[in-house]
Amino acid sequence: MSDVITETNESPKADTDQGTSAEGTDQGINFSERYSEILTQVNEALGKVDWTQMGRIGKVLGIFAAVIVAQILIKGVLDTINLLPVIPGLLELLGLVVVGQWSWQNLTTSEKRTSLVEKVQSLRQEYLG
């Protein structure tokens, strides 16, 4: 009786091992079929692309890349300037001087203020519609 139980316990394991190896082979074939289908779809999609427009897209991507590189360089320069003990204070003072000078030129009289408001409204109308 114990021999029968041992045989029945061994046979499901053998079936499982054979099933796993068969499934692995099926998955390998299935993967290669899916891979070839995906490559076919990609090739079809690339065949439909209007490659004459790629010059424009390339220019836009180039501009984006240049802007990103410029921003990284500017950040590096500003971080370096910020490490110097005197320069950040001088730059703040320069900013205050520029704002004060602009305010003196544009906000001292009511005529200058109204012309500034008109200029801002015309720019707003031009860009926002």
Foldseek 3Di string as FASTA:
>chain_A
DVVVVVVVVVVVVVVVVVVVVVVVVVVVVVVVVVVVVVVVVVVVVVVPDDCVCVVVVVVVVVVVVVVVVVVVVVVVVVVVQVVDDVRVVVVVVVVVVVVVVVCVVQPPDPVSVVVVVVVVVVVCVVVVD
